[in-house]
Amino acid sequence: MSQEQAVTSINENLPVMIPEKTTLTARGVKEQVQLIQEVMQTVMKDKEHFGTIPGCGNKPTLFKAGAEKLAMTFRFAPQYQEIPGSREEDDFITYKIECRLTHILTGNFVGSGLGACNSREKKYRNAQPWDVQNTLYKMACKRALVAAVLNATAASDIFTQDIEDMDPADLGKPKAAPVGQPQRAASNSADVISDAQRKRLYAIAKNAGFEDDQIKNDLLSQFGYEHSKDIKRTDYESVCNFFQGRNDAGANG
């Protein structure tokens, strides 16, 4: 059965979950949960529509693509609007978005969610705010959509959204250790970078404007390494690309 056929089949047997004159019965609630699980199994794909992030528990995270599938299943139409708190300044941009869902067939309001994104988040702070304006707005809308779908479908017991903006391509990579809890150094010297690679890394970081303390702090907060000599070879290119990003952002500014 194709994905389109599966969605069509599912839509023909939707439980009445749109708020009207009566509340859902216990059976209706159960059917709604079963429907979401069926969509997960027959339409959604792991690491594309949802995924479990290593170190973040067993509950899968709902991605934007998965939220869109659930919205289509329940016939929800999203509408976005900025809410008080959004700011566009020379050195700082923040968007706060509300996503409101209405039922396509009845026009009934079924739920809403809030999302925010700003230029001082770790993934954006090395770029000029106005170079990533559109990205910031889209990220805020995405977060609001995921929140609205979870609220409207009562699917928070199935999915989480705490890390819904993680790139699906990063699934399976080790989660960075919290500050104060660095990863263990590799036990085998063959697993860590060489002195020459460390010197190249510092040259990249220095050229990008990082000071020694900044390099050390970012290695810990971003990758979980307390010392550069502990960096694993498998992480080396990612670390270099992180510091290179500051240099590229400055060159394009």
Protein backbone atom coordinates (compact mmCIF):
# COMPACT_ATOMS: atom_id res chain seq x y z
CA MET A 1 0.00 0.00 0.00
CA SER A 2 1.41 3.40 -0.95
CA GLN A 3 1.65 6.26 1.56
CA GLU A 4 -1.18 8.12 -0.20
CA GLN A 5 -3.42 5.04 -0.07
CA ALA A 6 -2.58 4.52 3.60
CA VAL A 7 -3.49 8.11 4.49
CA THR A 8 -6.72 7.88 2.49
CA SER A 9 -7.66 4.65 4.24
CA ILE A 10 -6.90 6.14 7.64
CA ASN A 11 -8.88 9.32 6.94
CA GLU A 12 -11.99 7.30 6.11
CA ASN A 13 -12.07 5.97 9.69
CA LEU A 14 -11.13 9.05 11.67
CA PRO A 15 -12.57 9.23 15.18
CA VAL A 16 -14.70 12.27 15.94
CA MET A 17 -12.06 14.27 17.79
CA ILE A 18 -13.12 17.79 16.75
CA PRO A 19 -14.71 19.60 19.73
CA GLU A 20 -18.42 19.94 19.10
CA LYS A 21 -21.41 19.40 21.44
CA THR A 22 -20.11 16.30 23.13
CA THR A 23 -16.83 15.13 24.54
CA LEU A 24 -14.86 12.14 23.35
CA THR A 25 -15.71 8.81 24.91
CA ALA A 26 -13.02 6.62 26.40
CA ARG A 27 -13.27 4.51 23.26
CA GLY A 28 -12.82 7.61 21.10
CA VAL A 29 -9.69 8.61 22.98
CA LYS A 30 -8.30 5.10 22.56
CA GLU A 31 -9.09 5.14 18.83
CA GLN A 32 -7.33 8.46 18.42
CA VAL A 33 -4.17 7.13 20.07
CA GLN A 34 -4.34 4.00 17.92
CA LEU A 35 -4.73 6.17 14.82
CA ILE A 36 -1.60 8.15 15.59
CA GLN A 37 0.31 4.92 16.20
CA GLU A 38 -0.99 3.51 12.91
CA VAL A 39 0.18 6.60 11.04
CA MET A 40 3.60 6.19 12.66
CA GLN A 41 3.83 2.58 11.52
CA THR A 42 2.38 2.85 8.00
CA VAL A 43 3.18 6.38 6.80
CA MET A 44 5.96 7.92 8.85
CA LYS A 45 9.62 6.99 8.62
CA ASP A 46 12.06 6.83 11.50
CA LYS A 47 14.72 9.59 11.33
CA GLU A 48 12.62 11.49 8.78
CA HIS A 49 9.32 12.18 10.56
CA PHE A 50 10.40 11.32 14.10
CA GLY A 51 13.39 9.87 15.86
CA THR A 52 14.88 8.87 19.18
CA ILE A 53 17.85 11.01 20.17
CA PRO A 54 20.68 9.13 21.95
CA GLY A 55 20.89 10.13 25.60
CA CYS A 56 17.45 11.79 25.61
CA GLY A 57 15.21 8.95 26.68
CA ASN A 58 13.10 6.46 24.73
CA LYS A 59 10.26 8.77 23.70
CA PRO A 60 10.62 9.74 20.01
CA THR A 61 10.91 13.38 19.03
CA LEU A 62 8.37 14.68 16.52
CA PHE A 63 9.97 16.48 13.58
CA LYS A 64 8.32 19.07 11.34
CA ALA A 65 7.69 16.49 8.61
CA GLY A 66 5.92 14.25 11.14
CA ALA A 67 3.82 17.14 12.45
CA GLU A 68 2.74 17.88 8.88
CA LYS A 69 1.70 14.25 8.39
CA LEU A 70 -0.43 14.31 11.53
CA ALA A 71 -1.96 17.64 10.52
CA MET A 72 -2.88 16.13 7.15
CA THR A 73 -4.30 13.02 8.81
CA PHE A 74 -6.61 14.99 11.08
CA ARG A 75 -7.33 17.59 8.37
CA PHE A 76 -5.82 20.50 10.26
CA ALA A 77 -4.92 23.76 8.52
CA PRO A 78 -2.17 25.79 10.24
CA GLN A 79 -2.15 29.58 10.41
CA TYR A 80 0.83 31.52 11.74
CA GLN A 81 1.06 34.94 13.32
CA GLU A 82 3.72 36.89 15.19
CA ILE A 83 2.89 37.65 18.79
CA PRO A 84 4.24 40.34 21.16
CA GLY A 85 7.91 39.79 21.90
CA SER A 86 9.21 39.53 18.35
CA ARG A 87 12.09 41.96 17.70
CA GLU A 88 14.14 42.93 14.65
CA GLU A 89 17.22 44.94 15.59
CA ASP A 90 20.63 45.53 14.01
CA ASP A 91 22.39 43.00 16.23
CA PHE A 92 19.54 40.83 17.46
CA ILE A 93 16.47 39.18 15.94
CA THR A 94 13.89 37.12 17.75
CA TYR A 95 10.57 35.79 16.51
CA LYS A 96 7.71 34.54 18.65
CA ILE A 97 5.05 32.76 16.64
CA GLU A 98 1.63 31.31 17.42
CA CYS A 99 0.38 28.49 15.21
CA ARG A 100 -3.41 28.08 15.24
CA LEU A 101 -4.99 24.94 13.82
CA THR A 102 -8.47 24.80 12.32
CA HIS A 103 -10.35 21.77 11.02
CA ILE A 104 -10.51 22.03 7.23
CA LEU A 105 -14.00 20.53 6.91
CA THR A 106 -15.74 22.40 9.73
CA GLY A 107 -13.63 25.51 10.24
CA ASN A 108 -13.53 24.77 13.98
CA PHE A 109 -10.52 25.90 15.99
CA VAL A 110 -8.84 22.79 17.42
CA GLY A 111 -5.65 23.92 19.10
CA SER A 112 -2.61 26.17 19.05
CA GLY A 113 1.06 26.19 19.95
CA LEU A 114 3.82 28.72 20.51
CA GLY A 115 7.33 28.73 19.09
CA ALA A 116 10.29 31.09 19.34
CA CYS A 117 13.74 31.40 17.82
CA ASN A 118 16.45 34.04 18.16
CA SER A 119 19.83 34.92 16.71
CA ARG A 120 21.67 34.25 19.98
CA GLU A 121 20.98 30.53 19.95
CA LYS A 122 24.19 28.53 19.65
CA LYS A 123 23.59 27.44 16.08
CA TYR A 124 23.05 31.03 14.86
CA ARG A 125 25.23 33.26 17.07
CA ASN A 126 28.28 33.08 14.74
CA ALA A 127 26.33 34.53 11.83
CA GLN A 128 25.09 38.06 11.25
CA PRO A 129 21.43 38.15 12.43
CA TRP A 130 20.10 39.51 9.14
CA ASP A 131 21.87 36.77 7.18
CA VAL A 132 19.72 34.17 8.94
CA GLN A 133 16.50 36.18 9.30
CA ASN A 134 14.42 33.83 7.16
CA THR A 135 15.86 30.78 8.89
CA LEU A 136 14.99 32.20 12.31
CA TYR A 137 11.41 32.89 11.23
CA LYS A 138 10.96 29.42 9.73
CA MET A 139 12.40 27.76 12.83
CA ALA A 140 9.99 29.64 15.08
CA CYS A 141 7.08 28.60 12.83
CA LYS A 142 8.26 24.99 12.84
CA ARG A 143 8.43 24.88 16.62
CA ALA A 144 4.98 26.44 16.87
CA LEU A 145 3.55 23.88 14.41
CA VAL A 146 4.96 20.91 16.33
CA ALA A 147 3.62 22.32 19.60
CA ALA A 148 0.18 22.96 18.08
CA VAL A 149 -0.11 19.46 16.60
CA LEU A 150 0.93 17.84 19.88
CA ASN A 151 -1.61 19.97 21.75
CA ALA A 152 -4.45 19.36 19.31
CA THR A 153 -3.92 15.60 19.06
CA ALA A 154 -2.98 15.08 22.73
CA ALA A 155 0.06 13.18 21.47
CA SER A 156 2.56 14.41 24.05
CA ASP A 157 2.53 10.98 25.65
CA ILE A 158 3.73 9.52 22.33
CA PHE A 159 6.14 12.23 21.18
CA THR A 160 8.31 14.90 22.72
CA GLN A 161 9.18 18.28 21.22
CA ASP A 162 11.97 19.34 23.55
CA ILE A 163 14.54 18.67 20.84
CA GLU A 164 12.32 18.71 17.80
CA ASP A 165 14.63 21.08 15.91
CA MET A 166 17.52 18.65 15.87
CA ASP A 167 18.59 17.83 12.33
CA PRO A 168 17.50 14.27 11.43
CA ALA A 169 20.97 13.83 9.91
CA ASP A 170 22.42 14.09 13.43
CA LEU A 171 20.46 11.10 14.73
CA GLY A 172 22.76 8.44 16.04
CA LYS A 173 25.55 10.88 16.89
CA PRO A 174 26.58 11.09 20.54
CA LYS A 175 24.84 13.85 22.46
CA ALA A 176 27.18 16.57 23.73
CA ALA A 177 27.81 16.24 27.44
CA PRO A 178 26.40 18.98 29.69
CA VAL A 179 28.81 21.57 30.99
CA GLY A 180 30.74 20.08 33.88
CA GLN A 181 30.20 16.53 32.60
CA PRO A 182 32.72 16.08 29.75
CA GLN A 183 32.94 12.93 27.71
CA ARG A 184 35.60 10.47 28.73
CA ALA A 185 38.87 10.66 26.87
CA ALA A 186 39.43 7.90 24.35
CA SER A 187 41.30 5.03 25.94
CA ASN A 188 43.21 4.21 22.76
CA SER A 189 45.63 6.87 21.49
CA ALA A 190 44.80 5.80 17.93
CA ASP A 191 41.25 7.06 18.48
CA VAL A 192 42.25 10.66 19.22
CA ILE A 193 43.61 13.38 16.94
CA SER A 194 47.33 13.91 16.43
CA ASP A 195 49.39 16.90 17.55
CA ALA A 196 49.43 18.15 13.97
CA GLN A 197 45.63 18.01 13.83
CA ARG A 198 45.39 19.89 17.13
CA LYS A 199 47.66 22.64 15.77
CA ARG A 200 45.53 22.89 12.63
CA LEU A 201 42.37 23.13 14.74
CA TYR A 202 43.82 25.95 16.85
CA ALA A 203 44.99 27.76 13.72
CA ILE A 204 41.45 27.59 12.30
CA ALA A 205 39.93 28.82 15.56
CA LYS A 206 42.47 31.63 15.99
CA ASN A 207 41.98 32.76 12.40
CA ALA A 208 38.23 32.91 13.09
CA GLY A 209 38.80 35.22 16.07
CA PHE A 210 38.52 32.78 18.98
CA GLU A 211 40.68 33.29 22.06
CA ASP A 212 42.15 30.39 24.04
CA ASP A 213 39.45 30.55 26.73
CA GLN A 214 36.70 30.64 24.11
CA ILE A 215 38.13 27.63 22.33
CA LYS A 216 38.27 25.66 25.58
CA ASN A 217 34.74 26.69 26.62
CA ASP A 218 33.22 25.87 23.25
CA LEU A 219 34.96 22.49 23.07
CA LEU A 220 33.30 21.64 26.38
CA SER A 221 29.85 23.15 25.80
CA GLN A 222 29.47 22.14 22.17
CA PHE A 223 31.25 18.77 22.04
CA GLY A 224 31.84 17.66 25.63
CA TYR A 225 35.67 17.74 25.48
CA GLU A 226 37.59 19.25 28.38
CA HIS A 227 40.92 19.13 26.51
CA SER A 228 41.72 19.27 22.81
CA LYS A 229 44.01 16.25 23.20
CA ASP A 230 40.90 14.16 23.96
CA ILE A 231 39.12 14.95 20.67
CA LYS A 232 38.29 11.77 18.81
CA ARG A 233 39.22 11.44 15.16
CA THR A 234 35.58 10.77 14.30
CA ASP A 235 34.64 14.21 15.72
CA TYR A 236 37.57 16.15 14.30
CA GLU A 237 35.97 17.46 11.10
CA SER A 238 32.82 18.51 12.97
CA VAL A 239 34.90 20.47 15.49
CA CYS A 240 36.91 22.15 12.74
CA ASN A 241 33.75 23.02 10.83
CA PHE A 242 32.25 24.59 13.95
CA PHE A 243 35.16 27.01 14.40
CA GLN A 244 35.45 27.55 10.65
CA GLY A 245 31.84 28.73 10.68
CA ARG A 246 32.83 31.90 12.57
CA ASN A 247 35.44 32.71 9.92
CA ASP A 248 33.01 32.07 7.06
CA ALA A 249 30.33 34.21 8.71
CA GLY A 250 32.78 37.09 9.05
CA ALA A 251 33.94 36.77 5.44
CA ASN A 252 30.38 36.88 4.16
CA GLY A 253 29.27 39.73 6.44
